[in-house]
C-alpha atoms as a PDB file:
ATOM      1  CA  UNK A   1       0.000   0.000   0.000  1.00  0.00           C
ATOM      2  CA  UNK A   2       1.215   3.443  -0.933  1.00  0.00           C
ATOM      3  CA  UNK A   3       0.137   6.345   1.258  1.00  0.00           C
ATOM      4  CA  UNK A   4      -0.409   9.580  -0.675  1.00  0.00           C
ATOM      5  CA  UNK A   5      -1.441  13.128   0.218  1.00  0.00           C
ATOM      6  CA  UNK A   6      -3.736  15.051  -2.115  1.00  0.00           C
ATOM      7  CA  UNK A   7      -2.330  18.453  -3.040  1.00  0.00           C
ATOM      8  CA  UNK A   8      -5.792  19.917  -3.526  1.00  0.00           C
ATOM      9  CA  UNK A   9      -7.701  18.845  -0.394  1.00  0.00           C
ATOM     10  CA  UNK A  10      -4.788  17.716   1.888  1.00  0.00           C
ATOM     11  CA  UNK A  11      -6.421  14.347   2.662  1.00  0.00           C
ATOM     12  CA  UNK A  12      -4.090  11.392   3.175  1.00  0.00           C
ATOM     13  CA  UNK A  13      -5.217   8.097   1.634  1.00  0.00           C
ATOM     14  CA  UNK A  14      -3.794   4.735   0.596  1.00  0.00           C
ATOM     15  CA  UNK A  15      -3.867   3.072  -2.787  1.00  0.00           C
ATOM     16  CA  UNK A  16      -3.110  -0.594  -3.375  1.00  0.00           C
ATOM     17  CA  UNK A  17      -0.059  -1.755  -5.311  1.00  0.00           C
ATOM     18  CA  UNK A  18      -2.083  -2.754  -8.377  1.00  0.00           C
ATOM     19  CA  UNK A  19      -3.592   0.749  -8.594  1.00  0.00           C
ATOM     20  CA  UNK A  20      -0.111   2.235  -8.237  1.00  0.00           C
ATOM     21  CA  UNK A  21       1.187   0.044 -11.078  1.00  0.00           C
ATOM     22  CA  UNK A  22      -1.738   1.071 -13.250  1.00  0.00           C
ATOM     23  CA  UNK A  23      -1.136   4.744 -12.457  1.00  0.00           C
ATOM     24  CA  UNK A  24       2.552   4.375 -13.343  1.00  0.00           C
ATOM     25  CA  UNK A  25       1.688   3.530 -16.965  1.00  0.00           C
ATOM     26  CA  UNK A  26       1.176   7.244 -17.581  1.00  0.00           C
ATOM     27  CA  UNK A  27       3.920   9.151 -15.820  1.00  0.00           C
ATOM     28  CA  UNK A  28       6.189  12.169 -15.962  1.00  0.00           C
ATOM     29  CA  UNK A  29       9.359  11.085 -14.195  1.00  0.00           C
ATOM     30  CA  UNK A  30       8.261   9.736 -10.845  1.00  0.00           C
ATOM     31  CA  UNK A  31       4.916  11.572 -10.950  1.00  0.00           C
ATOM     32  CA  UNK A  32       1.722   9.837 -12.034  1.00  0.00           C
ATOM     33  CA  UNK A  33      -1.848  11.105 -12.224  1.00  0.00           C
ATOM     34  CA  UNK A  34      -3.854   9.739  -9.287  1.00  0.00           C
ATOM     35  CA  UNK A  35      -7.503  10.466  -8.518  1.00  0.00           C
ATOM     36  CA  UNK A  36      -8.138  11.430  -4.904  1.00  0.00           C
ATOM     37  CA  UNK A  37     -11.015   9.406  -3.391  1.00  0.00           C
ATOM     38  CA  UNK A  38     -11.888  12.273  -1.042  1.00  0.00           C
ATOM     39  CA  UNK A  39     -12.328  15.183  -3.460  1.00  0.00           C
ATOM     40  CA  UNK A  40     -12.489  13.260  -6.751  1.00  0.00           C
ATOM     41  CA  UNK A  41      -9.851  15.439  -8.411  1.00  0.00           C
ATOM     42  CA  UNK A  42      -6.775  14.129 -10.206  1.00  0.00           C
ATOM     43  CA  UNK A  43      -3.310  15.323  -9.196  1.00  0.00           C
ATOM     44  CA  UNK A  44       0.219  14.394 -10.202  1.00  0.00           C
ATOM     45  CA  UNK A  45       1.634  12.463  -7.237  1.00  0.00           C
ATOM     46  CA  UNK A  46       4.839  10.580  -6.530  1.00  0.00           C
ATOM     47  CA  UNK A  47       3.624   6.992  -6.219  1.00  0.00           C
ATOM     48  CA  UNK A  48       7.103   5.641  -5.516  1.00  0.00           C
ATOM     49  CA  UNK A  49       7.337   7.115  -2.016  1.00  0.00           C
ATOM     50  CA  UNK A  50       4.804   7.201   0.791  1.00  0.00           C
ATOM     51  CA  UNK A  51       4.079  10.098   3.107  1.00  0.00           C
ATOM     52  CA  UNK A  52       4.344   9.609   6.877  1.00  0.00           C
ATOM     53  CA  UNK A  53       1.186  11.547   7.767  1.00  0.00           C
ATOM     54  CA  UNK A  54      -1.701   9.666   9.429  1.00  0.00           C
ATOM     55  CA  UNK A  55      -4.620   8.572   7.264  1.00  0.00           C
ATOM     56  CA  UNK A  56      -7.514  11.022   6.941  1.00  0.00           C
ATOM     57  CA  UNK A  57      -9.513   9.170   4.265  1.00  0.00           C
ATOM     58  CA  UNK A  58     -11.838   7.309   4.588  1.00  0.00           C
ATOM     59  CA  UNK A  59     -13.199   9.213   7.563  1.00  0.00           C
ATOM     60  CA  UNK A  60     -13.757   7.137  10.666  1.00  0.00           C
ATOM     61  CA  UNK A  61     -17.449   6.420  11.140  1.00  0.00           C
ATOM     62  CA  UNK A  62     -18.832   8.000  14.228  1.00  0.00           C
ATOM     63  CA  UNK A  63     -19.834   5.260  16.593  1.00  0.00           C
ATOM     64  CA  UNK A  64     -23.380   5.931  17.642  1.00  0.00           C
ATOM     65  CA  UNK A  65     -24.999   4.246  20.569  1.00  0.00           C
ATOM     66  CA  UNK A  66     -28.222   2.541  19.616  1.00  0.00           C
ATOM     67  CA  UNK A  67     -31.267   4.323  20.968  1.00  0.00           C
ATOM     68  CA  UNK A  68     -32.907   2.472  23.793  1.00  0.00           C
ATOM     69  CA  UNK A  69     -36.163   0.909  22.642  1.00  0.00           C
ATOM     70  CA  UNK A  70     -39.098   2.129  24.670  1.00  0.00           C
ATOM     71  CA  UNK A  71     -40.696  -0.531  26.835  1.00  0.00           C
ATOM     72  CA  UNK A  72     -44.044  -1.621  25.415  1.00  0.00           C
ATOM     73  CA  UNK A  73     -46.981  -2.641  27.535  1.00  0.00           C
ATOM     74  CA  UNK A  74     -48.690  -5.989  27.038  1.00  0.00           C
ATOM     75  CA  UNK A  75     -51.525  -4.310  25.124  1.00  0.00           C
ATOM     76  CA  UNK A  76     -49.107  -2.569  22.771  1.00  0.00           C
ATOM     77  CA  UNK A  77     -47.166  -5.796  22.201  1.00  0.00           C
ATOM     78  CA  UNK A  78     -50.391  -7.617  21.336  1.00  0.00           C
ATOM     79  CA  UNK A  79     -51.434  -4.851  18.918  1.00  0.00           C
ATOM     80  CA  UNK A  80     -48.028  -4.960  17.296  1.00  0.00           C
ATOM     81  CA  UNK A  81     -48.203  -8.764  16.933  1.00  0.00           C
ATOM     82  CA  UNK A  82     -51.677  -8.537  15.363  1.00  0.00           C
ATOM     83  CA  UNK A  83     -50.564  -5.785  12.995  1.00  0.00           C
ATOM     84  CA  UNK A  84     -47.532  -7.798  11.863  1.00  0.00           C
ATOM     85  CA  UNK A  85     -49.606 -10.947  11.423  1.00  0.00           C
ATOM     86  CA  UNK A  86     -51.799  -9.154   8.858  1.00  0.00           C
ATOM     87  CA  UNK A  87     -48.919  -9.172   6.398  1.00  0.00           C
ATOM     88  CA  UNK A  88     -47.847 -12.795   6.895  1.00  0.00           C
ATOM     89  CA  UNK A  89     -48.468 -15.249   4.103  1.00  0.00           C
ATOM     90  CA  UNK A  90     -49.728 -18.673   4.931  1.00  0.00           C
END
């Protein structure tokens, strides 16, 4: 994996070796055109050396706590069961 930094949006991302080889088919010295997954723009990047900055793309998903389900009374549970049974096929 090669770690690159986009010159346009400053996001740091990784590309796999096969993508780096494909990008090296069109090159100008050690620079190859690589499309940034964060901003979608193409920049000339040095795919032969990685940057040391920490990854910023893809963004880490915010871990959300699941909302506590409200406690249903016996009557509400029975109504819910009846409602769901209407759509069952026999």
